[in-house]
PDB file of N, CA and C in Angstrom:
ATOM      1  N   UNK A   1      -0.269  11.777  -8.452  1.00  0.00           N
ATOM      2  CA  UNK A   1      -0.311  11.015  -9.686  1.00  0.00           C
ATOM      3  C   UNK A   1       1.045  10.347  -9.939  1.00  0.00           C
ATOM      4  N   UNK A   2       2.134  11.089  -9.688  1.00  0.00           N
ATOM      5  CA  UNK A   2       3.469  10.513  -9.904  1.00  0.00           C
ATOM      6  C   UNK A   2       3.680   9.302  -8.995  1.00  0.00           C
ATOM      7  N   UNK A   3       3.299   9.444  -7.752  1.00  0.00           N
ATOM      8  CA  UNK A   3       3.478   8.360  -6.786  1.00  0.00           C
ATOM      9  C   UNK A   3       2.676   7.128  -7.204  1.00  0.00           C
ATOM     10  N   UNK A   4       1.485   7.319  -7.705  1.00  0.00           N
ATOM     11  CA  UNK A   4       0.666   6.197  -8.170  1.00  0.00           C
ATOM     12  C   UNK A   4       1.341   5.498  -9.354  1.00  0.00           C
ATOM     13  N   UNK A   5       1.982   6.260 -10.217  1.00  0.00           N
ATOM     14  CA  UNK A   5       2.671   5.660 -11.372  1.00  0.00           C
ATOM     15  C   UNK A   5       3.905   4.856 -10.967  1.00  0.00           C
ATOM     16  N   UNK A   6       4.446   5.093  -9.794  1.00  0.00           N
ATOM     17  CA  UNK A   6       5.638   4.373  -9.327  1.00  0.00           C
ATOM     18  C   UNK A   6       5.300   3.025  -8.695  1.00  0.00           C
ATOM     19  N   UNK A   7       4.015   2.761  -8.481  1.00  0.00           N
ATOM     20  CA  UNK A   7       3.602   1.498  -7.865  1.00  0.00           C
ATOM     21  C   UNK A   7       3.956   0.334  -8.786  1.00  0.00           C
ATOM     22  N   UNK A   8       4.499  -0.727  -8.196  1.00  0.00           N
ATOM     23  CA  UNK A   8       4.887  -1.918  -8.942  1.00  0.00           C
ATOM     24  C   UNK A   8       3.660  -2.782  -9.226  1.00  0.00           C
ATOM     25  N   UNK A   9       3.790  -3.728 -10.165  1.00  0.00           N
ATOM     26  CA  UNK A   9       2.696  -4.622 -10.546  1.00  0.00           C
ATOM     27  C   UNK A   9       2.102  -5.361  -9.353  1.00  0.00           C
ATOM     28  N   UNK A  10       2.948  -5.732  -8.384  1.00  0.00           N
ATOM     29  CA  UNK A  10       2.468  -6.510  -7.237  1.00  0.00           C
ATOM     30  C   UNK A  10       1.779  -5.649  -6.177  1.00  0.00           C
ATOM     31  N   UNK A  11       1.678  -4.345  -6.412  1.00  0.00           N
ATOM     32  CA  UNK A  11       0.987  -3.449  -5.495  1.00  0.00           C
ATOM     33  C   UNK A  11       1.889  -2.693  -4.543  1.00  0.00           C
ATOM     34  N   UNK A  12       3.165  -3.053  -4.492  1.00  0.00           N
ATOM     35  CA  UNK A  12       4.102  -2.395  -3.584  1.00  0.00           C
ATOM     36  C   UNK A  12       4.928  -1.328  -4.264  1.00  0.00           C
ATOM     37  N   UNK A  13       5.715  -0.663  -3.468  1.00  0.00           N
ATOM     38  CA  UNK A  13       6.689   0.307  -3.946  1.00  0.00           C
ATOM     39  C   UNK A  13       8.060  -0.159  -3.478  1.00  0.00           C
ATOM     40  N   UNK A  14       9.105   0.464  -3.968  1.00  0.00           N
ATOM     41  CA  UNK A  14      10.442   0.088  -3.508  1.00  0.00           C
ATOM     42  C   UNK A  14      11.364   1.295  -3.467  1.00  0.00           C
ATOM     43  N   UNK A  15      12.370   1.192  -2.602  1.00  0.00           N
ATOM     44  CA  UNK A  15      13.457   2.173  -2.546  1.00  0.00           C
ATOM     45  C   UNK A  15      14.624   1.555  -3.295  1.00  0.00           C
ATOM     46  N   UNK A  16      15.047   2.099  -4.356  1.00  0.00           N
ATOM     47  CA  UNK A  16      16.271   1.677  -5.053  1.00  0.00           C
ATOM     48  C   UNK A  16      16.574   0.191  -4.939  1.00  0.00           C
ATOM     49  N   UNK A  17      15.699  -0.649  -5.374  1.00  0.00           N
ATOM     50  CA  UNK A  17      15.848  -2.105  -5.344  1.00  0.00           C
ATOM     51  C   UNK A  17      16.249  -2.642  -3.972  1.00  0.00           C
ATOM     52  N   UNK A  18      15.543  -2.235  -2.953  1.00  0.00           N
ATOM     53  CA  UNK A  18      15.830  -2.681  -1.588  1.00  0.00           C
ATOM     54  C   UNK A  18      15.363  -4.103  -1.330  1.00  0.00           C
ATOM     55  N   UNK A  19      15.603  -4.569  -0.135  1.00  0.00           N
ATOM     56  CA  UNK A  19      15.200  -5.912   0.264  1.00  0.00           C
ATOM     57  C   UNK A  19      13.705  -5.942   0.578  1.00  0.00           C
ATOM     58  N   UNK A  20      13.209  -7.126   0.969  1.00  0.00           N
ATOM     59  CA  UNK A  20      11.790  -7.254   1.325  1.00  0.00           C
ATOM     60  C   UNK A  20      11.400  -6.268   2.417  1.00  0.00           C
ATOM     61  N   UNK A  21      12.253  -6.128   3.420  1.00  0.00           N
ATOM     62  CA  UNK A  21      11.950  -5.204   4.508  1.00  0.00           C
ATOM     63  C   UNK A  21      11.826  -3.776   3.989  1.00  0.00           C
ATOM     64  N   UNK A  22      12.668  -3.428   3.049  1.00  0.00           N
ATOM     65  CA  UNK A  22      12.602  -2.089   2.479  1.00  0.00           C
ATOM     66  C   UNK A  22      11.353  -1.903   1.635  1.00  0.00           C
ATOM     67  N   UNK A  23      10.901  -2.953   0.962  1.00  0.00           N
ATOM     68  CA  UNK A  23       9.686  -2.852   0.148  1.00  0.00           C
ATOM     69  C   UNK A  23       8.477  -2.588   1.038  1.00  0.00           C
ATOM     70  N   UNK A  24       8.414  -3.254   2.179  1.00  0.00           N
ATOM     71  CA  UNK A  24       7.293  -3.025   3.100  1.00  0.00           C
ATOM     72  C   UNK A  24       7.326  -1.581   3.606  1.00  0.00           C
ATOM     73  N   UNK A  25       8.503  -1.097   3.971  1.00  0.00           N
ATOM     74  CA  UNK A  25       8.634   0.283   4.457  1.00  0.00           C
ATOM     75  C   UNK A  25       8.283   1.276   3.353  1.00  0.00           C
ATOM     76  N   UNK A  26       8.783   1.034   2.155  1.00  0.00           N
ATOM     77  CA  UNK A  26       8.507   1.936   1.033  1.00  0.00           C
ATOM     78  C   UNK A  26       7.013   1.972   0.726  1.00  0.00           C
ATOM     79  N   UNK A  27       6.366   0.827   0.793  1.00  0.00           N
ATOM     80  CA  UNK A  27       4.926   0.764   0.523  1.00  0.00           C
ATOM     81  C   UNK A  27       4.139   1.507   1.597  1.00  0.00           C
ATOM     82  N   UNK A  28       4.501   1.306   2.838  1.00  0.00           N
ATOM     83  CA  UNK A  28       3.839   2.034   3.917  1.00  0.00           C
ATOM     84  C   UNK A  28       3.997   3.534   3.770  1.00  0.00           C
ATOM     85  N   UNK A  29       5.200   3.961   3.443  1.00  0.00           N
ATOM     86  CA  UNK A  29       5.459   5.397   3.267  1.00  0.00           C
ATOM     87  C   UNK A  29       4.705   5.951   2.052  1.00  0.00           C
ATOM     88  N   UNK A  30       4.624   5.165   0.988  1.00  0.00           N
ATOM     89  CA  UNK A  30       3.938   5.626  -0.219  1.00  0.00           C
ATOM     90  C   UNK A  30       2.428   5.740   0.002  1.00  0.00           C
ATOM     91  N   UNK A  31       1.886   4.882   0.842  1.00  0.00           N
ATOM     92  CA  UNK A  31       0.442   4.931   1.106  1.00  0.00           C
ATOM     93  C   UNK A  31       0.039   6.126   1.969  1.00  0.00           C
ATOM     94  N   UNK A  32       0.945   6.615   2.793  1.00  0.00           N
ATOM     95  CA  UNK A  32       0.601   7.701   3.717  1.00  0.00           C
ATOM     96  C   UNK A  32       0.000   8.942   3.045  1.00  0.00           C
ATOM     97  N   UNK A  33       0.588   9.470   1.962  1.00  0.00           N
ATOM     98  CA  UNK A  33      -0.023  10.661   1.353  1.00  0.00           C
ATOM     99  C   UNK A  33      -1.427  10.409   0.806  1.00  0.00           C
ATOM    100  N   UNK A  34      -1.661   9.206   0.271  1.00  0.00           N
ATOM    101  CA  UNK A  34      -3.003   8.888  -0.226  1.00  0.00           C
ATOM    102  C   UNK A  34      -4.001   8.872   0.925  1.00  0.00           C
ATOM    103  N   UNK A  35      -3.646   8.187   2.000  1.00  0.00           N
ATOM    104  CA  UNK A  35      -4.543   8.088   3.149  1.00  0.00           C
ATOM    105  C   UNK A  35      -4.754   9.449   3.801  1.00  0.00           C
ATOM    106  N   UNK A  36      -3.701  10.250   3.889  1.00  0.00           N
ATOM    107  CA  UNK A  36      -3.817  11.587   4.485  1.00  0.00           C
ATOM    108  C   UNK A  36      -4.738  12.487   3.660  1.00  0.00           C
ATOM    109  N   UNK A  37      -4.793  12.226   2.348  1.00  0.00           N
ATOM    110  CA  UNK A  37      -5.663  13.012   1.473  1.00  0.00           C
ATOM    111  C   UNK A  37      -7.093  12.473   1.445  1.00  0.00           C
ATOM    112  N   UNK A  38      -7.345  11.426   2.240  1.00  0.00           N
ATOM    113  CA  UNK A  38      -8.693  10.874   2.295  1.00  0.00           C
ATOM    114  C   UNK A  38      -8.955   9.778   1.283  1.00  0.00           C
ATOM    115  N   UNK A  39      -7.933   9.385   0.536  1.00  0.00           N
ATOM    116  CA  UNK A  39      -8.076   8.288  -0.426  1.00  0.00           C
ATOM    117  C   UNK A  39      -7.993   6.979   0.340  1.00  0.00           C
ATOM    118  N   UNK A  40      -8.950   6.096   0.134  1.00  0.00           N
ATOM    119  CA  UNK A  40      -8.955   4.805   0.816  1.00  0.00           C
ATOM    120  C   UNK A  40      -9.246   3.703  -0.189  1.00  0.00           C
ATOM    121  N   UNK A  41      -9.293   2.497   0.315  1.00  0.00           N
ATOM    122  CA  UNK A  41      -9.633   1.342  -0.509  1.00  0.00           C
ATOM    123  C   UNK A  41     -11.142   1.105  -0.535  1.00  0.00           C
ATOM    124  N   UNK A  42     -11.878   1.929   0.174  1.00  0.00           N
ATOM    125  CA  UNK A  42     -13.325   1.765   0.288  1.00  0.00           C
ATOM    126  C   UNK A  42     -14.070   2.814  -0.522  1.00  0.00           C
ATOM    127  N   UNK A  43     -15.278   2.467  -0.932  1.00  0.00           N
ATOM    128  CA  UNK A  43     -16.163   3.451  -1.554  1.00  0.00           C
ATOM    129  C   UNK A  43     -16.890   4.183  -0.439  1.00  0.00           C
ATOM    130  N   UNK A  44     -17.144   5.459  -0.659  1.00  0.00           N
ATOM    131  CA  UNK A  44     -17.791   6.264   0.373  1.00  0.00           C
ATOM    132  C   UNK A  44     -18.901   7.099  -0.231  1.00  0.00           C
ATOM    133  N   UNK A  45     -19.983   7.250   0.509  1.00  0.00           N
ATOM    134  CA  UNK A  45     -21.084   8.108   0.054  1.00  0.00           C
ATOM    135  C   UNK A  45     -20.629   9.560  -0.001  1.00  0.00           C
ATOM    136  N   UNK A  46     -19.750   9.944   0.938  1.00  0.00           N
ATOM    137  CA  UNK A  46     -19.264  11.328   1.002  1.00  0.00           C
ATOM    138  C   UNK A  46     -18.265  11.624  -0.105  1.00  0.00           C
ATOM    139  N   UNK A  47     -17.559  10.596  -0.562  1.00  0.00           N
ATOM    140  CA  UNK A  47     -16.534  10.788  -1.588  1.00  0.00           C
ATOM    141  C   UNK A  47     -16.608   9.645  -2.601  1.00  0.00           C
ATOM    142  N   UNK A  48     -17.658   9.667  -3.450  1.00  0.00           N
ATOM    143  CA  UNK A  48     -17.822   8.567  -4.392  1.00  0.00           C
ATOM    144  C   UNK A  48     -16.709   8.493  -5.437  1.00  0.00           C
ATOM    145  N   UNK A  49     -16.034   9.599  -5.682  1.00  0.00           N
ATOM    146  CA  UNK A  49     -14.971   9.636  -6.674  1.00  0.00           C
ATOM    147  C   UNK A  49     -13.618   9.458  -6.009  1.00  0.00           C
ATOM    148  N   UNK A  50     -13.326   8.273  -5.599  1.00  0.00           N
ATOM    149  CA  UNK A  50     -12.058   7.956  -4.967  1.00  0.00           C
ATOM    150  C   UNK A  50     -11.078   7.606  -6.088  1.00  0.00           C
ATOM    151  N   UNK A  51     -10.361   8.603  -6.562  1.00  0.00           N
ATOM    152  CA  UNK A  51      -9.505   8.480  -7.747  1.00  0.00           C
ATOM    153  C   UNK A  51      -8.432   7.408  -7.600  1.00  0.00           C
ATOM    154  N   UNK A  52      -7.907   7.235  -6.405  1.00  0.00           N
ATOM    155  CA  UNK A  52      -6.798   6.303  -6.193  1.00  0.00           C
ATOM    156  C   UNK A  52      -7.200   5.071  -5.392  1.00  0.00           C
ATOM    157  N   UNK A  53      -8.477   4.721  -5.440  1.00  0.00           N
ATOM    158  CA  UNK A  53      -8.978   3.573  -4.689  1.00  0.00           C
ATOM    159  C   UNK A  53      -8.205   2.300  -5.031  1.00  0.00           C
ATOM    160  N   UNK A  54      -7.989   2.019  -6.296  1.00  0.00           N
ATOM    161  CA  UNK A  54      -7.303   0.782  -6.682  1.00  0.00           C
ATOM    162  C   UNK A  54      -5.831   0.815  -6.280  1.00  0.00           C
ATOM    163  N   UNK A  55      -5.203   1.977  -6.316  1.00  0.00           N
ATOM    164  CA  UNK A  55      -3.804   2.112  -5.897  1.00  0.00           C
ATOM    165  C   UNK A  55      -3.681   1.777  -4.413  1.00  0.00           C
ATOM    166  N   UNK A  56      -4.542   2.372  -3.608  1.00  0.00           N
ATOM    167  CA  UNK A  56      -4.514   2.127  -2.164  1.00  0.00           C
ATOM    168  C   UNK A  56      -4.857   0.667  -1.868  1.00  0.00           C
ATOM    169  N   UNK A  57      -5.849   0.135  -2.543  1.00  0.00           N
ATOM    170  CA  UNK A  57      -6.253  -1.255  -2.331  1.00  0.00           C
ATOM    171  C   UNK A  57      -5.102  -2.212  -2.635  1.00  0.00           C
ATOM    172  N   UNK A  58      -4.447  -2.021  -3.767  1.00  0.00           N
ATOM    173  CA  UNK A  58      -3.320  -2.893  -4.120  1.00  0.00           C
ATOM    174  C   UNK A  58      -2.170  -2.753  -3.126  1.00  0.00           C
ATOM    175  N   UNK A  59      -1.914  -1.536  -2.666  1.00  0.00           N
ATOM    176  CA  UNK A  59      -0.850  -1.310  -1.691  1.00  0.00           C
ATOM    177  C   UNK A  59      -1.138  -1.984  -0.358  1.00  0.00           C
ATOM    178  N   UNK A  60      -2.371  -1.880   0.108  1.00  0.00           N
ATOM    179  CA  UNK A  60      -2.745  -2.518   1.371  1.00  0.00           C
ATOM    180  C   UNK A  60      -2.691  -4.043   1.254  1.00  0.00           C
ATOM    181  N   UNK A  61      -3.133  -4.579   0.129  1.00  0.00           N
ATOM    182  CA  UNK A  61      -3.071  -6.028  -0.085  1.00  0.00           C
ATOM    183  C   UNK A  61      -1.624  -6.510  -0.115  1.00  0.00           C
ATOM    184  N   UNK A  62      -0.745  -5.717  -0.706  1.00  0.00           N
ATOM    185  CA  UNK A  62       0.675  -6.062  -0.725  1.00  0.00           C
ATOM    186  C   UNK A  62       1.212  -6.139   0.704  1.00  0.00           C
ATOM    187  N   UNK A  63       0.895  -5.139   1.523  1.00  0.00           N
ATOM    188  CA  UNK A  63       1.365  -5.139   2.908  1.00  0.00           C
ATOM    189  C   UNK A  63       0.789  -6.306   3.698  1.00  0.00           C
ATOM    190  N   UNK A  64      -0.476  -6.598   3.496  1.00  0.00           N
ATOM    191  CA  UNK A  64      -1.100  -7.715   4.205  1.00  0.00           C
ATOM    192  C   UNK A  64      -0.457  -9.041   3.817  1.00  0.00           C
ATOM    193  N   UNK A  65      -0.078  -9.184   2.565  1.00  0.00           N
ATOM    194  CA  UNK A  65       0.580 -10.410   2.120  1.00  0.00           C
ATOM    195  C   UNK A  65       1.981 -10.529   2.712  1.00  0.00           C
ATOM    196  N   UNK A  66       2.658  -9.396   2.838  1.00  0.00           N
ATOM    197  CA  UNK A  66       4.020  -9.410   3.374  1.00  0.00           C
ATOM    198  C   UNK A  66       4.049  -9.490   4.893  1.00  0.00           C
ATOM    199  N   UNK A  67       3.062  -8.948   5.547  1.00  0.00           N
ATOM    200  CA  UNK A  67       3.031  -8.870   7.005  1.00  0.00           C
ATOM    201  C   UNK A  67       1.699  -9.408   7.509  1.00  0.00           C
ATOM    202  N   UNK A  68       1.528 -10.732   7.557  1.00  0.00           N
ATOM    203  CA  UNK A  68       0.243 -11.267   8.001  1.00  0.00           C
ATOM    204  C   UNK A  68      -0.073 -10.835   9.430  1.00  0.00           C
ATOM    205  N   UNK A  69      -1.356 -10.529   9.699  1.00  0.00           N
ATOM    206  CA  UNK A  69      -1.726 -10.054  11.030  1.00  0.00           C
ATOM    207  C   UNK A  69      -1.692 -11.143  12.115  1.00  0.00           C
ATOM    208  N   UNK A  70      -1.755 -12.409  11.717  1.00  0.00           N
ATOM    209  CA  UNK A  70      -1.733 -13.487  12.707  1.00  0.00           C
ATOM    210  C   UNK A  70      -0.974 -14.682  12.155  1.00  0.00           C
ATOM    211  N   UNK A  71      -0.847 -15.701  12.981  1.00  0.00           N
ATOM    212  CA  UNK A  71      -0.125 -16.898  12.579  1.00  0.00           C
ATOM    213  C   UNK A  71       1.321 -16.825  13.039  1.00  0.00           C
ATOM    214  N   UNK A  72       2.143 -17.781  12.604  1.00  0.00           N
ATOM    215  CA  UNK A  72       3.525 -17.850  13.073  1.00  0.00           C
ATOM    216  C   UNK A  72       4.361 -16.618  12.725  1.00  0.00           C
ATOM    217  N   UNK A  73       4.031 -15.948  11.631  1.00  0.00           N
ATOM    218  CA  UNK A  73       4.760 -14.738  11.237  1.00  0.00           C
ATOM    219  C   UNK A  73       3.954 -13.469  11.490  1.00  0.00           C
ATOM    220  N   UNK A  74       2.959 -13.561  12.352  1.00  0.00           N
ATOM    221  CA  UNK A  74       2.085 -12.418  12.618  1.00  0.00           C
ATOM    222  C   UNK A  74       2.856 -11.165  12.973  1.00  0.00           C
ATOM    223  N   UNK A  75       2.603 -10.092  12.208  1.00  0.00           N
ATOM    224  CA  UNK A  75       3.247  -8.809  12.463  1.00  0.00           C
ATOM    225  C   UNK A  75       4.677  -8.705  11.973  1.00  0.00           C
ATOM    226  N   UNK A  76       5.176  -9.747  11.340  1.00  0.00           N
ATOM    227  CA  UNK A  76       6.567  -9.728  10.839  1.00  0.00           C
ATOM    228  C   UNK A  76       6.584  -9.859   9.327  1.00  0.00           C
ATOM    229  N   UNK A  77       7.623  -9.345   8.736  1.00  0.00           N
ATOM    230  CA  UNK A  77       7.831  -9.489   7.304  1.00  0.00           C
ATOM    231  C   UNK A  77       8.102 -10.964   7.028  1.00  0.00           C
ATOM    232  N   UNK A  78       7.338 -11.535   6.117  1.00  0.00           N
ATOM    233  CA  UNK A  78       7.559 -12.955   5.810  1.00  0.00           C
ATOM    234  C   UNK A  78       8.346 -13.122   4.532  1.00  0.00           C
TER     235      UNK A  78
END
């Protein structure tokens, strides 16, 4: 719950006002405990009560915006 409250409006997390690269790393690290606990951005028949679905969804969208999977900046922080 504490980690979810630390999420920024744009969906990311940060380490002590770090740079863009640090925001991507902080967001990835913050998402790990949610994902390890089975919290995802998807609805599931096995787990219809995904308490942190919106937190994970916003975090993943933040990472996708910062690190596009393809194009000239594919796989890099833009």
